[in-house]
Every structure is written in C-alpha cells, then in structure tokens.
Amino acid sequence: MPDPIESRMNFIIEQQAQFAVDIQLLKERQAENSRQIESNAGMIRQLVDVCLSLAHHGEKTDERIRALGEGVRELGEDLRALIDTVDKLVRRNGS
C-alpha cells in the first residue's frame, strides 16, 4: 500500500517541476515579446519620420502650387494687356 505522505510529496515535486518549466517558458515568451516591442517601436519611429517628411514635402508642394497659380494669374493679366494693346493697334490701323 503506497504511503499517502510519499504520494503527496511526489505530487508536490511534480507540480513544482511543472511550475519551473512554465516559469521558464513565460520568461522566454517575455523576452521574445520585449524584442518584438523594441522592433515595433523602431518601426513606429521610422513611420513617424516618414510621415513628417511627407507632411513637409506636402507643404512645399502646396507652396509651389500657390506660386505657380500666382504666376499663371500674372501671365493672364499680361496676356490680357497684350491683347488689349494689339486690339487697339488693329482698330487704329483699320480705321
């Protein structure tokens, strides 16, 4: 007949061994998670840098488009003035 105290001791030893294995697995997973978090943080920093760069380029592009629009407006004014001048010359010479 097995000794109940010895059975309990064996059970406790087995449980302690399983607990030690589980703790080791948790430590390994925690280390992997820490590595993954650090990697993700690095990629997030790169993504933020890219977004800031794109925003900066977008602002520069907006400035260029505004300047181009202003140039087109000025060109239109100059063209209208030229057309008016040519029209006046044609009317004078045609009369």
C-alpha atoms as a PDB file:
ATOM      1  CA  MET A   1       0.000   0.000   0.000  1.00  0.00           C
ATOM      2  CA  PRO A   2       1.525   3.339  -1.052  1.00  0.00           C
ATOM      3  CA  ASP A   3       2.325   5.835   1.638  1.00  0.00           C
ATOM      4  CA  PRO A   4      -0.070   8.857   1.416  1.00  0.00           C
ATOM      5  CA  ILE A   5       2.644  11.281   2.541  1.00  0.00           C
ATOM      6  CA  GLU A   6       5.064   9.963  -0.091  1.00  0.00           C
ATOM      7  CA  SER A   7       2.306  10.280  -2.737  1.00  0.00           C
ATOM      8  CA  ARG A   8       1.656  13.882  -1.712  1.00  0.00           C
ATOM      9  CA  MET A   9       5.373  14.646  -1.741  1.00  0.00           C
ATOM     10  CA  ASN A  10       5.715  13.197  -5.257  1.00  0.00           C
ATOM     11  CA  PHE A  11       2.704  15.213  -6.385  1.00  0.00           C
ATOM     12  CA  ILE A  12       4.186  18.404  -4.902  1.00  0.00           C
ATOM     13  CA  ILE A  13       7.565  17.688  -6.528  1.00  0.00           C
ATOM     14  CA  GLU A  14       5.898  17.092  -9.916  1.00  0.00           C
ATOM     15  CA  GLN A  15       3.862  20.263  -9.543  1.00  0.00           C
ATOM     16  CA  GLN A  16       6.987  22.228  -8.616  1.00  0.00           C
ATOM     17  CA  ALA A  17       8.838  20.827 -11.633  1.00  0.00           C
ATOM     18  CA  GLN A  18       5.933  21.757 -13.936  1.00  0.00           C
ATOM     19  CA  PHE A  19       5.802  25.200 -12.346  1.00  0.00           C
ATOM     20  CA  ALA A  20       9.534  25.688 -13.013  1.00  0.00           C
ATOM     21  CA  VAL A  21       9.055  24.662 -16.672  1.00  0.00           C
ATOM     22  CA  ASP A  22       6.080  27.011 -17.030  1.00  0.00           C
ATOM     23  CA  ILE A  23       8.046  29.900 -15.495  1.00  0.00           C
ATOM     24  CA  GLN A  24      10.925  29.272 -17.911  1.00  0.00           C
ATOM     25  CA  LEU A  25       8.518  29.282 -20.871  1.00  0.00           C
ATOM     26  CA  LEU A  26       6.981  32.515 -19.632  1.00  0.00           C
ATOM     27  CA  LYS A  27      10.433  34.108 -19.314  1.00  0.00           C
ATOM     28  CA  GLU A  28      11.272  33.066 -22.876  1.00  0.00           C
ATOM     29  CA  ARG A  29       7.984  34.454 -24.175  1.00  0.00           C
ATOM     30  CA  GLN A  30       8.503  37.660 -22.222  1.00  0.00           C
ATOM     31  CA  ALA A  31      11.978  38.058 -23.727  1.00  0.00           C
ATOM     32  CA  GLU A  32      10.585  37.482 -27.231  1.00  0.00           C
ATOM     33  CA  ASN A  33       7.783  39.967 -26.569  1.00  0.00           C
ATOM     34  CA  SER A  34      10.330  42.526 -25.372  1.00  0.00           C
ATOM     35  CA  ARG A  35      12.365  42.060 -28.565  1.00  0.00           C
ATOM     36  CA  GLN A  36       9.206  42.398 -30.664  1.00  0.00           C
ATOM     37  CA  ILE A  37       8.123  45.536 -28.796  1.00  0.00           C
ATOM     38  CA  GLU A  38      11.539  47.110 -29.351  1.00  0.00           C
ATOM     39  CA  SER A  39      11.408  46.200 -33.034  1.00  0.00           C
ATOM     40  CA  ASN A  40       7.894  47.648 -33.336  1.00  0.00           C
ATOM     41  CA  ALA A  41       8.981  50.824 -31.549  1.00  0.00           C
ATOM     42  CA  GLY A  42      11.818  51.234 -34.053  1.00  0.00           C
ATOM     43  CA  MET A  43       9.469  50.747 -36.985  1.00  0.00           C
ATOM     44  CA  ILE A  44       6.980  53.200 -35.476  1.00  0.00           C
ATOM     45  CA  ARG A  45       9.767  55.787 -35.138  1.00  0.00           C
ATOM     46  CA  GLN A  46      10.624  55.255 -38.814  1.00  0.00           C
ATOM     47  CA  LEU A  47       6.964  55.567 -39.780  1.00  0.00           C
ATOM     48  CA  VAL A  48       6.657  58.827 -37.839  1.00  0.00           C
ATOM     49  CA  ASP A  49       9.788  60.147 -39.586  1.00  0.00           C
ATOM     50  CA  VAL A  50       8.352  59.221 -42.985  1.00  0.00           C
ATOM     51  CA  CYS A  51       5.002  60.855 -42.149  1.00  0.00           C
ATOM     52  CA  LEU A  52       6.726  64.047 -41.013  1.00  0.00           C
ATOM     53  CA  SER A  53       8.812  64.057 -44.180  1.00  0.00           C
ATOM     54  CA  LEU A  54       5.712  63.572 -46.331  1.00  0.00           C
ATOM     55  CA  ALA A  55       3.932  66.380 -44.498  1.00  0.00           C
ATOM     56  CA  HIS A  56       6.922  68.654 -45.084  1.00  0.00           C
ATOM     57  CA  HIS A  57       7.012  67.765 -48.786  1.00  0.00           C
ATOM     58  CA  GLY A  58       3.254  68.330 -48.988  1.00  0.00           C
ATOM     59  CA  GLU A  59       3.674  71.811 -47.520  1.00  0.00           C
ATOM     60  CA  LYS A  60       6.452  72.584 -50.008  1.00  0.00           C
ATOM     61  CA  THR A  61       4.284  71.284 -52.863  1.00  0.00           C
ATOM     62  CA  ASP A  62       1.398  73.487 -51.703  1.00  0.00           C
ATOM     63  CA  GLU A  63       3.725  76.499 -51.690  1.00  0.00           C
ATOM     64  CA  ARG A  64       4.882  75.697 -55.217  1.00  0.00           C
ATOM     65  CA  ILE A  65       1.313  75.268 -56.455  1.00  0.00           C
ATOM     66  CA  ARG A  66       0.337  78.624 -54.912  1.00  0.00           C
ATOM     67  CA  ALA A  67       3.360  80.275 -56.556  1.00  0.00           C
ATOM     68  CA  LEU A  68       2.508  78.632 -59.884  1.00  0.00           C
ATOM     69  CA  GLY A  69      -1.095  79.823 -59.604  1.00  0.00           C
ATOM     70  CA  GLU A  70       0.126  83.347 -58.922  1.00  0.00           C
ATOM     71  CA  GLY A  71       2.437  83.123 -61.944  1.00  0.00           C
ATOM     72  CA  VAL A  72      -0.422  81.931 -64.149  1.00  0.00           C
ATOM     73  CA  ARG A  73      -2.613  84.771 -62.873  1.00  0.00           C
ATOM     74  CA  GLU A  74       0.099  87.324 -63.648  1.00  0.00           C
ATOM     75  CA  LEU A  75       0.651  85.770 -67.064  1.00  0.00           C
ATOM     76  CA  GLY A  76      -3.085  86.012 -67.752  1.00  0.00           C
ATOM     77  CA  GLU A  77      -3.043  89.688 -66.807  1.00  0.00           C
ATOM     78  CA  ASP A  78      -0.055  90.295 -69.089  1.00  0.00           C
ATOM     79  CA  LEU A  79      -1.757  88.399 -71.905  1.00  0.00           C
ATOM     80  CA  ARG A  80      -4.967  90.419 -71.490  1.00  0.00           C
ATOM     81  CA  ALA A  81      -2.910  93.638 -71.592  1.00  0.00           C
ATOM     82  CA  LEU A  82      -1.154  92.443 -74.746  1.00  0.00           C
ATOM     83  CA  ILE A  83      -4.454  91.511 -76.364  1.00  0.00           C
ATOM     84  CA  ASP A  84      -5.883  94.923 -75.476  1.00  0.00           C
ATOM     85  CA  THR A  85      -2.829  96.643 -76.937  1.00  0.00           C
ATOM     86  CA  VAL A  86      -2.944  94.610 -80.158  1.00  0.00           C
ATOM     87  CA  ASP A  87      -6.695  95.155 -80.407  1.00  0.00           C
ATOM     88  CA  LYS A  88      -6.248  98.932 -80.063  1.00  0.00           C
ATOM     89  CA  LEU A  89      -3.472  98.940 -82.691  1.00  0.00           C
ATOM     90  CA  VAL A  90      -5.590  96.906 -85.115  1.00  0.00           C
ATOM     91  CA  ARG A  91      -8.569  99.203 -84.628  1.00  0.00           C
ATOM     92  CA  ARG A  92      -6.454 102.335 -85.196  1.00  0.00           C
ATOM     93  CA  ASN A  93      -4.825 100.945 -88.300  1.00  0.00           C
ATOM     94  CA  GLY A  94      -8.085  99.518 -89.573  1.00  0.00           C
ATOM     95  CA  SER A  95      -9.964 102.817 -89.314  1.00  0.00           C
END
